PDB file of N, CA and C in Angstrom:
ATOM      1  N   UNK A   1      40.998   4.201  -0.795  1.00  0.00           N
ATOM      2  CA  UNK A   1      39.855   4.205  -1.687  1.00  0.00           C
ATOM      3  C   UNK A   1      39.383   2.787  -1.998  1.00  0.00           C
ATOM      4  N   UNK A   2      40.318   1.859  -2.157  1.00  0.00           N
ATOM      5  CA  UNK A   2      39.958   0.478  -2.474  1.00  0.00           C
ATOM      6  C   UNK A   2      39.171  -0.158  -1.337  1.00  0.00           C
ATOM      7  N   UNK A   3      39.538   0.162  -0.107  1.00  0.00           N
ATOM      8  CA  UNK A   3      38.831  -0.410   1.042  1.00  0.00           C
ATOM      9  C   UNK A   3      37.402   0.114   1.090  1.00  0.00           C
ATOM     10  N   UNK A   4      37.245   1.411   0.868  1.00  0.00           N
ATOM     11  CA  UNK A   4      35.911   2.000   0.882  1.00  0.00           C
ATOM     12  C   UNK A   4      35.046   1.433  -0.234  1.00  0.00           C
ATOM     13  N   UNK A   5      35.620   1.282  -1.423  1.00  0.00           N
ATOM     14  CA  UNK A   5      34.885   0.734  -2.552  1.00  0.00           C
ATOM     15  C   UNK A   5      34.472  -0.706  -2.276  1.00  0.00           C
ATOM     16  N   UNK A   6      35.402  -1.497  -1.729  1.00  0.00           N
ATOM     17  CA  UNK A   6      35.104  -2.892  -1.397  1.00  0.00           C
ATOM     18  C   UNK A   6      33.992  -2.973  -0.361  1.00  0.00           C
ATOM     19  N   UNK A   7      34.054  -2.095   0.625  1.00  0.00           N
ATOM     20  CA  UNK A   7      33.027  -2.068   1.668  1.00  0.00           C
ATOM     21  C   UNK A   7      31.667  -1.685   1.096  1.00  0.00           C
ATOM     22  N   UNK A   8      31.651  -0.729   0.170  1.00  0.00           N
ATOM     23  CA  UNK A   8      30.392  -0.297  -0.432  1.00  0.00           C
ATOM     24  C   UNK A   8      29.770  -1.400  -1.280  1.00  0.00           C
ATOM     25  N   UNK A   9      30.601  -2.129  -2.025  1.00  0.00           N
ATOM     26  CA  UNK A   9      30.072  -3.211  -2.855  1.00  0.00           C
ATOM     27  C   UNK A   9      29.542  -4.341  -1.975  1.00  0.00           C
ATOM     28  N   UNK A  10      30.301  -4.691  -0.925  1.00  0.00           N
ATOM     29  CA  UNK A  10      29.822  -5.717   0.006  1.00  0.00           C
ATOM     30  C   UNK A  10      28.515  -5.290   0.661  1.00  0.00           C
ATOM     31  N   UNK A  11      28.422  -4.010   1.004  1.00  0.00           N
ATOM     32  CA  UNK A  11      27.202  -3.487   1.614  1.00  0.00           C
ATOM     33  C   UNK A  11      26.029  -3.568   0.637  1.00  0.00           C
ATOM     34  N   UNK A  12      26.294  -3.258  -0.635  1.00  0.00           N
ATOM     35  CA  UNK A  12      25.232  -3.337  -1.645  1.00  0.00           C
ATOM     36  C   UNK A  12      24.731  -4.771  -1.780  1.00  0.00           C
ATOM     37  N   UNK A  13      25.659  -5.720  -1.827  1.00  0.00           N
ATOM     38  CA  UNK A  13      25.256  -7.130  -1.902  1.00  0.00           C
ATOM     39  C   UNK A  13      24.435  -7.522  -0.678  1.00  0.00           C
ATOM     40  N   UNK A  14      24.938  -7.166   0.500  1.00  0.00           N
ATOM     41  CA  UNK A  14      24.250  -7.537   1.741  1.00  0.00           C
ATOM     42  C   UNK A  14      22.852  -6.921   1.806  1.00  0.00           C
ATOM     43  N   UNK A  15      22.745  -5.652   1.443  1.00  0.00           N
ATOM     44  CA  UNK A  15      21.433  -4.992   1.465  1.00  0.00           C
ATOM     45  C   UNK A  15      20.497  -5.587   0.430  1.00  0.00           C
ATOM     46  N   UNK A  16      21.013  -5.933  -0.738  1.00  0.00           N
ATOM     47  CA  UNK A  16      20.194  -6.552  -1.770  1.00  0.00           C
ATOM     48  C   UNK A  16      19.651  -7.904  -1.330  1.00  0.00           C
ATOM     49  N   UNK A  17      20.527  -8.715  -0.767  1.00  0.00           N
ATOM     50  CA  UNK A  17      20.111 -10.046  -0.307  1.00  0.00           C
ATOM     51  C   UNK A  17      19.128  -9.934   0.854  1.00  0.00           C
ATOM     52  N   UNK A  18      19.390  -9.003   1.764  1.00  0.00           N
ATOM     53  CA  UNK A  18      18.480  -8.799   2.895  1.00  0.00           C
ATOM     54  C   UNK A  18      17.110  -8.320   2.404  1.00  0.00           C
ATOM     55  N   UNK A  19      17.104  -7.445   1.417  1.00  0.00           N
ATOM     56  CA  UNK A  19      15.842  -6.974   0.849  1.00  0.00           C
ATOM     57  C   UNK A  19      15.063  -8.087   0.177  1.00  0.00           C
ATOM     58  N   UNK A  20      15.776  -8.959  -0.525  1.00  0.00           N
ATOM     59  CA  UNK A  20      15.123 -10.107  -1.157  1.00  0.00           C
ATOM     60  C   UNK A  20      14.487 -10.997  -0.098  1.00  0.00           C
ATOM     61  N   UNK A  21      15.214 -11.240   0.984  1.00  0.00           N
ATOM     62  CA  UNK A  21      14.686 -12.103   2.047  1.00  0.00           C
ATOM     63  C   UNK A  21      13.452 -11.494   2.706  1.00  0.00           C
ATOM     64  N   UNK A  22      13.534 -10.204   3.041  1.00  0.00           N
ATOM     65  CA  UNK A  22      12.386  -9.546   3.685  1.00  0.00           C
ATOM     66  C   UNK A  22      11.165  -9.540   2.773  1.00  0.00           C
ATOM     67  N   UNK A  23      11.379  -9.213   1.518  1.00  0.00           N
ATOM     68  CA  UNK A  23      10.267  -9.158   0.573  1.00  0.00           C
ATOM     69  C   UNK A  23       9.694 -10.541   0.313  1.00  0.00           C
ATOM     70  N   UNK A  24      10.559 -11.538   0.275  1.00  0.00           N
ATOM     71  CA  UNK A  24      10.108 -12.922   0.097  1.00  0.00           C
ATOM     72  C   UNK A  24       9.247 -13.360   1.281  1.00  0.00           C
ATOM     73  N   UNK A  25       9.656 -12.965   2.480  1.00  0.00           N
ATOM     74  CA  UNK A  25       8.853 -13.268   3.674  1.00  0.00           C
ATOM     75  C   UNK A  25       7.489 -12.576   3.601  1.00  0.00           C
ATOM     76  N   UNK A  26       7.481 -11.338   3.104  1.00  0.00           N
ATOM     77  CA  UNK A  26       6.224 -10.589   2.959  1.00  0.00           C
ATOM     78  C   UNK A  26       5.299 -11.287   1.963  1.00  0.00           C
ATOM     79  N   UNK A  27       5.861 -11.756   0.862  1.00  0.00           N
ATOM     80  CA  UNK A  27       5.070 -12.473  -0.142  1.00  0.00           C
ATOM     81  C   UNK A  27       4.486 -13.749   0.464  1.00  0.00           C
ATOM     82  N   UNK A  28       5.308 -14.485   1.189  1.00  0.00           N
ATOM     83  CA  UNK A  28       4.835 -15.738   1.787  1.00  0.00           C
ATOM     84  C   UNK A  28       3.719 -15.488   2.795  1.00  0.00           C
ATOM     85  N   UNK A  29       3.866 -14.448   3.610  1.00  0.00           N
ATOM     86  CA  UNK A  29       2.841 -14.137   4.610  1.00  0.00           C
ATOM     87  C   UNK A  29       1.540 -13.694   3.935  1.00  0.00           C
ATOM     88  N   UNK A  30       1.659 -12.854   2.911  1.00  0.00           N
ATOM     89  CA  UNK A  30       0.457 -12.387   2.202  1.00  0.00           C
ATOM     90  C   UNK A  30      -0.236 -13.555   1.501  1.00  0.00           C
ATOM     91  N   UNK A  31       0.544 -14.446   0.912  1.00  0.00           N
ATOM     92  CA  UNK A  31      -0.042 -15.606   0.240  1.00  0.00           C
ATOM     93  C   UNK A  31      -0.770 -16.497   1.239  1.00  0.00           C
ATOM     94  N   UNK A  32      -0.186 -16.661   2.408  1.00  0.00           N
ATOM     95  CA  UNK A  32      -0.846 -17.453   3.451  1.00  0.00           C
ATOM     96  C   UNK A  32      -2.148 -16.792   3.893  1.00  0.00           C
ATOM     97  N   UNK A  33      -2.125 -15.481   4.047  1.00  0.00           N
ATOM     98  CA  UNK A  33      -3.348 -14.758   4.414  1.00  0.00           C
ATOM     99  C   UNK A  33      -4.429 -14.929   3.355  1.00  0.00           C
ATOM    100  N   UNK A  34      -4.044 -14.823   2.090  1.00  0.00           N
ATOM    101  CA  UNK A  34      -5.006 -14.987   0.996  1.00  0.00           C
ATOM    102  C   UNK A  34      -5.567 -16.398   0.992  1.00  0.00           C
ATOM    103  N   UNK A  35      -4.705 -17.377   1.220  1.00  0.00           N
ATOM    104  CA  UNK A  35      -5.153 -18.773   1.236  1.00  0.00           C
ATOM    105  C   UNK A  35      -6.122 -19.040   2.386  1.00  0.00           C
ATOM    106  N   UNK A  36      -5.975 -18.291   3.473  1.00  0.00           N
ATOM    107  CA  UNK A  36      -6.806 -18.511   4.659  1.00  0.00           C
ATOM    108  C   UNK A  36      -7.976 -17.544   4.777  1.00  0.00           C
ATOM    109  N   UNK A  37      -8.286 -16.821   3.715  1.00  0.00           N
ATOM    110  CA  UNK A  37      -9.370 -15.832   3.781  1.00  0.00           C
ATOM    111  C   UNK A  37     -10.681 -16.464   4.229  1.00  0.00           C
ATOM    112  N   UNK A  38     -11.018 -17.604   3.700  1.00  0.00           N
ATOM    113  CA  UNK A  38     -12.291 -18.243   4.053  1.00  0.00           C
ATOM    114  C   UNK A  38     -12.152 -19.281   5.154  1.00  0.00           C
ATOM    115  N   UNK A  39     -10.921 -19.484   5.637  1.00  0.00           N
ATOM    116  CA  UNK A  39     -10.696 -20.471   6.685  1.00  0.00           C
ATOM    117  C   UNK A  39     -10.820 -19.869   8.060  1.00  0.00           C
ATOM    118  N   UNK A  40     -10.619 -20.716   9.049  1.00  0.00           N
ATOM    119  CA  UNK A  40     -10.703 -20.264  10.428  1.00  0.00           C
ATOM    120  C   UNK A  40      -9.372 -19.737  10.942  1.00  0.00           C
ATOM    121  N   UNK A  41      -8.269 -20.004  10.238  1.00  0.00           N
ATOM    122  CA  UNK A  41      -6.948 -19.563  10.685  1.00  0.00           C
ATOM    123  C   UNK A  41      -6.834 -18.056  10.568  1.00  0.00           C
ATOM    124  N   UNK A  42      -6.300 -17.448  11.587  1.00  0.00           N
ATOM    125  CA  UNK A  42      -6.115 -15.998  11.599  1.00  0.00           C
ATOM    126  C   UNK A  42      -4.638 -15.691  11.821  1.00  0.00           C
ATOM    127  N   UNK A  43      -4.108 -14.744  11.045  1.00  0.00           N
ATOM    128  CA  UNK A  43      -2.734 -14.296  11.240  1.00  0.00           C
ATOM    129  C   UNK A  43      -2.653 -13.565  12.568  1.00  0.00           C
ATOM    130  N   UNK A  44      -1.631 -13.866  13.325  1.00  0.00           N
ATOM    131  CA  UNK A  44      -1.384 -13.256  14.624  1.00  0.00           C
ATOM    132  C   UNK A  44      -2.541 -13.495  15.592  1.00  0.00           C
ATOM    133  N   UNK A  45      -3.377 -14.442  15.330  1.00  0.00           N
ATOM    134  CA  UNK A  45      -4.517 -14.824  16.169  1.00  0.00           C
ATOM    135  C   UNK A  45      -5.388 -13.638  16.588  1.00  0.00           C
ATOM    136  N   UNK A  46      -5.588 -12.685  15.694  1.00  0.00           N
ATOM    137  CA  UNK A  46      -6.507 -11.569  15.957  1.00  0.00           C
ATOM    138  C   UNK A  46      -7.935 -12.049  15.781  1.00  0.00           C
ATOM    139  N   UNK A  47      -8.857 -11.316  16.370  1.00  0.00           N
ATOM    140  CA  UNK A  47     -10.257 -11.686  16.204  1.00  0.00           C
ATOM    141  C   UNK A  47     -10.811 -11.131  14.899  1.00  0.00           C
ATOM    142  N   UNK A  48     -10.143 -10.123  14.315  1.00  0.00           N
ATOM    143  CA  UNK A  48     -10.622  -9.568  13.053  1.00  0.00           C
ATOM    144  C   UNK A  48     -10.199 -10.470  11.897  1.00  0.00           C
ATOM    145  N   UNK A  49     -10.986 -10.434  10.844  1.00  0.00           N
ATOM    146  CA  UNK A  49     -10.691 -11.286   9.697  1.00  0.00           C
ATOM    147  C   UNK A  49      -9.613 -10.655   8.829  1.00  0.00           C
ATOM    148  N   UNK A  50      -8.992 -11.473   8.006  1.00  0.00           N
ATOM    149  CA  UNK A  50      -7.958 -11.014   7.090  1.00  0.00           C
ATOM    150  C   UNK A  50      -8.616 -10.189   5.991  1.00  0.00           C
ATOM    151  N   UNK A  51      -8.061  -9.045   5.698  1.00  0.00           N
ATOM    152  CA  UNK A  51      -8.573  -8.187   4.650  1.00  0.00           C
ATOM    153  C   UNK A  51      -7.923  -8.619   3.335  1.00  0.00           C
ATOM    154  N   UNK A  52      -8.726  -9.115   2.414  1.00  0.00           N
ATOM    155  CA  UNK A  52      -8.228  -9.633   1.146  1.00  0.00           C
ATOM    156  C   UNK A  52      -7.511  -8.542   0.348  1.00  0.00           C
ATOM    157  N   UNK A  53      -8.050  -7.352   0.323  1.00  0.00           N
ATOM    158  CA  UNK A  53      -7.435  -6.252  -0.429  1.00  0.00           C
ATOM    159  C   UNK A  53      -6.044  -5.934   0.108  1.00  0.00           C
ATOM    160  N   UNK A  54      -5.918  -5.842   1.423  1.00  0.00           N
ATOM    161  CA  UNK A  54      -4.609  -5.566   2.025  1.00  0.00           C
ATOM    162  C   UNK A  54      -3.617  -6.678   1.715  1.00  0.00           C
ATOM    163  N   UNK A  55      -4.085  -7.903   1.750  1.00  0.00           N
ATOM    164  CA  UNK A  55      -3.205  -9.037   1.476  1.00  0.00           C
ATOM    165  C   UNK A  55      -2.723  -9.041   0.029  1.00  0.00           C
ATOM    166  N   UNK A  56      -3.598  -8.688  -0.896  1.00  0.00           N
ATOM    167  CA  UNK A  56      -3.206  -8.630  -2.306  1.00  0.00           C
ATOM    168  C   UNK A  56      -2.201  -7.504  -2.528  1.00  0.00           C
ATOM    169  N   UNK A  57      -2.431  -6.359  -1.876  1.00  0.00           N
ATOM    170  CA  UNK A  57      -1.480  -5.239  -1.982  1.00  0.00           C
ATOM    171  C   UNK A  57      -0.134  -5.646  -1.389  1.00  0.00           C
ATOM    172  N   UNK A  58      -0.153  -6.318  -0.236  1.00  0.00           N
ATOM    173  CA  UNK A  58       1.090  -6.797   0.374  1.00  0.00           C
ATOM    174  C   UNK A  58       1.816  -7.782  -0.541  1.00  0.00           C
ATOM    175  N   UNK A  59       1.063  -8.632  -1.209  1.00  0.00           N
ATOM    176  CA  UNK A  59       1.650  -9.598  -2.133  1.00  0.00           C
ATOM    177  C   UNK A  59       2.367  -8.882  -3.273  1.00  0.00           C
ATOM    178  N   UNK A  60       1.713  -7.905  -3.858  1.00  0.00           N
ATOM    179  CA  UNK A  60       2.309  -7.162  -4.970  1.00  0.00           C
ATOM    180  C   UNK A  60       3.502  -6.328  -4.492  1.00  0.00           C
ATOM    181  N   UNK A  61       3.371  -5.699  -3.337  1.00  0.00           N
ATOM    182  CA  UNK A  61       4.467  -4.905  -2.779  1.00  0.00           C
ATOM    183  C   UNK A  61       5.686  -5.782  -2.521  1.00  0.00           C
ATOM    184  N   UNK A  62       5.466  -6.959  -1.980  1.00  0.00           N
ATOM    185  CA  UNK A  62       6.565  -7.883  -1.737  1.00  0.00           C
ATOM    186  C   UNK A  62       7.237  -8.324  -3.028  1.00  0.00           C
ATOM    187  N   UNK A  63       6.436  -8.588  -4.049  1.00  0.00           N
ATOM    188  CA  UNK A  63       6.993  -8.995  -5.342  1.00  0.00           C
ATOM    189  C   UNK A  63       7.840  -7.877  -5.940  1.00  0.00           C
ATOM    190  N   UNK A  64       7.362  -6.645  -5.841  1.00  0.00           N
ATOM    191  CA  UNK A  64       8.141  -5.507  -6.339  1.00  0.00           C
ATOM    192  C   UNK A  64       9.415  -5.304  -5.521  1.00  0.00           C
ATOM    193  N   UNK A  65       9.338  -5.575  -4.227  1.00  0.00           N
ATOM    194  CA  UNK A  65      10.518  -5.484  -3.369  1.00  0.00           C
ATOM    195  C   UNK A  65      11.584  -6.495  -3.752  1.00  0.00           C
ATOM    196  N   UNK A  66      11.156  -7.712  -4.082  1.00  0.00           N
ATOM    197  CA  UNK A  66      12.102  -8.728  -4.537  1.00  0.00           C
ATOM    198  C   UNK A  66      12.769  -8.275  -5.828  1.00  0.00           C
ATOM    199  N   UNK A  67      11.975  -7.749  -6.752  1.00  0.00           N
ATOM    200  CA  UNK A  67      12.516  -7.267  -8.029  1.00  0.00           C
ATOM    201  C   UNK A  67      13.539  -6.153  -7.816  1.00  0.00           C
ATOM    202  N   UNK A  68      13.204  -5.182  -6.992  1.00  0.00           N
ATOM    203  CA  UNK A  68      14.103  -4.050  -6.744  1.00  0.00           C
ATOM    204  C   UNK A  68      15.394  -4.507  -6.072  1.00  0.00           C
ATOM    205  N   UNK A  69      15.278  -5.385  -5.107  1.00  0.00           N
ATOM    206  CA  UNK A  69      16.463  -5.876  -4.413  1.00  0.00           C
ATOM    207  C   UNK A  69      17.339  -6.721  -5.334  1.00  0.00           C
ATOM    208  N   UNK A  70      16.715  -7.472  -6.214  1.00  0.00           N
ATOM    209  CA  UNK A  70      17.487  -8.256  -7.184  1.00  0.00           C
ATOM    210  C   UNK A  70      18.264  -7.336  -8.122  1.00  0.00           C
ATOM    211  N   UNK A  71      17.683  -6.188  -8.448  1.00  0.00           N
ATOM    212  CA  UNK A  71      18.397  -5.222  -9.291  1.00  0.00           C
ATOM    213  C   UNK A  71      19.602  -4.642  -8.558  1.00  0.00           C
ATOM    214  N   UNK A  72      19.479  -4.435  -7.259  1.00  0.00           N
ATOM    215  CA  UNK A  72      20.610  -3.953  -6.456  1.00  0.00           C
ATOM    216  C   UNK A  72      21.749  -4.963  -6.515  1.00  0.00           C
ATOM    217  N   UNK A  73      21.427  -6.233  -6.337  1.00  0.00           N
ATOM    218  CA  UNK A  73      22.445  -7.285  -6.409  1.00  0.00           C
ATOM    219  C   UNK A  73      23.056  -7.338  -7.806  1.00  0.00           C
ATOM    220  N   UNK A  74      22.230  -7.186  -8.826  1.00  0.00           N
ATOM    221  CA  UNK A  74      22.708  -7.222 -10.206  1.00  0.00           C
ATOM    222  C   UNK A  74      23.677  -6.071 -10.490  1.00  0.00           C
ATOM    223  N   UNK A  75      23.356  -4.876 -10.006  1.00  0.00           N
ATOM    224  CA  UNK A  75      24.243  -3.722 -10.209  1.00  0.00           C
ATOM    225  C   UNK A  75      25.560  -3.925  -9.470  1.00  0.00           C
ATOM    226  N   UNK A  76      25.505  -4.441  -8.257  1.00  0.00           N
ATOM    227  CA  UNK A  76      26.741  -4.715  -7.516  1.00  0.00           C
ATOM    228  C   UNK A  76      27.587  -5.738  -8.257  1.00  0.00           C
ATOM    229  N   UNK A  77      26.955  -6.743  -8.814  1.00  0.00           N
ATOM    230  CA  UNK A  77      27.666  -7.755  -9.587  1.00  0.00           C
ATOM    231  C   UNK A  77      28.305  -7.141 -10.831  1.00  0.00           C
ATOM    232  N   UNK A  78      27.572  -6.297 -11.541  1.00  0.00           N
ATOM    233  CA  UNK A  78      28.115  -5.615 -12.716  1.00  0.00           C
ATOM    234  C   UNK A  78      29.293  -4.724 -12.344  1.00  0.00           C
ATOM    235  N   UNK A  79      29.194  -4.063 -11.199  1.00  0.00           N
ATOM    236  CA  UNK A  79      30.276  -3.195 -10.738  1.00  0.00           C
ATOM    237  C   UNK A  79      31.541  -3.995 -10.480  1.00  0.00           C
ATOM    238  N   UNK A  80      31.389  -5.138  -9.855  1.00  0.00           N
ATOM    239  CA  UNK A  80      32.557  -5.997  -9.621  1.00  0.00           C
ATOM    240  C   UNK A  80      33.148  -6.452 -10.946  1.00  0.00           C
ATOM    241  N   UNK A  81      32.311  -6.813 -11.892  1.00  0.00           N
ATOM    242  CA  UNK A  81      32.803  -7.216 -13.209  1.00  0.00           C
ATOM    243  C   UNK A  81      33.566  -6.104 -13.900  1.00  0.00           C
ATOM    244  N   UNK A  82      33.043  -4.885 -13.808  1.00  0.00           N
ATOM    245  CA  UNK A  82      33.719  -3.730 -14.406  1.00  0.00           C
ATOM    246  C   UNK A  82      35.062  -3.478 -13.740  1.00  0.00           C
ATOM    247  N   UNK A  83      35.083  -3.581 -12.413  1.00  0.00           N
ATOM    248  CA  UNK A  83      36.347  -3.380 -11.683  1.00  0.00           C
ATOM    249  C   UNK A  83      37.371  -4.448 -12.053  1.00  0.00           C
ATOM    250  N   UNK A  84      36.934  -5.664 -12.173  1.00  0.00           N
ATOM    251  CA  UNK A  84      37.852  -6.737 -12.557  1.00  0.00           C
ATOM    252  C   UNK A  84      38.400  -6.507 -13.961  1.00  0.00           C
ATOM    253  N   UNK A  85      37.538  -6.084 -14.873  1.00  0.00           N
ATOM    254  CA  UNK A  85      37.977  -5.804 -16.244  1.00  0.00           C
ATOM    255  C   UNK A  85      38.962  -4.629 -16.267  1.00  0.00           C
ATOM    256  N   UNK A  86      38.729  -3.643 -15.411  1.00  0.00           N
ATOM    257  CA  UNK A  86      39.560  -2.442 -15.393  1.00  0.00           C
ATOM    258  C   UNK A  86      40.938  -2.710 -14.782  1.00  0.00           C
ATOM    259  N   UNK A  87      40.954  -3.429 -13.676  1.00  0.00           N
ATOM    260  CA  UNK A  87      42.202  -3.614 -12.931  1.00  0.00           C
ATOM    261  C   UNK A  87      42.910  -4.925 -13.220  1.00  0.00           C
ATOM    262  N   UNK A  88      42.328  -5.799 -13.998  1.00  0.00           N
ATOM    263  CA  UNK A  88      42.966  -7.091 -14.273  1.00  0.00           C
ATOM    264  C   UNK A  88      43.916  -7.021 -15.451  1.00  0.00           C
TER     265      UNK A  88
END
């Protein structure tokens, strides 16, 4: 049981950190798109222009993803603290 619990907590941390990274990348890409709305730079070198509405939605979605993933890391941290208090 201890091995499974340890694996689950490590997995929660890893998934939380990975989610933060992915969402952070999404925020950075959306911010770059918003910054380049009136410029000549195009994401992925498409001929179509950047859609400001989509970029703003992506920005907000990424920010919410960072928040949710940070909560996953926080819960895993609290779980470790509880386990240490219980078994120490």
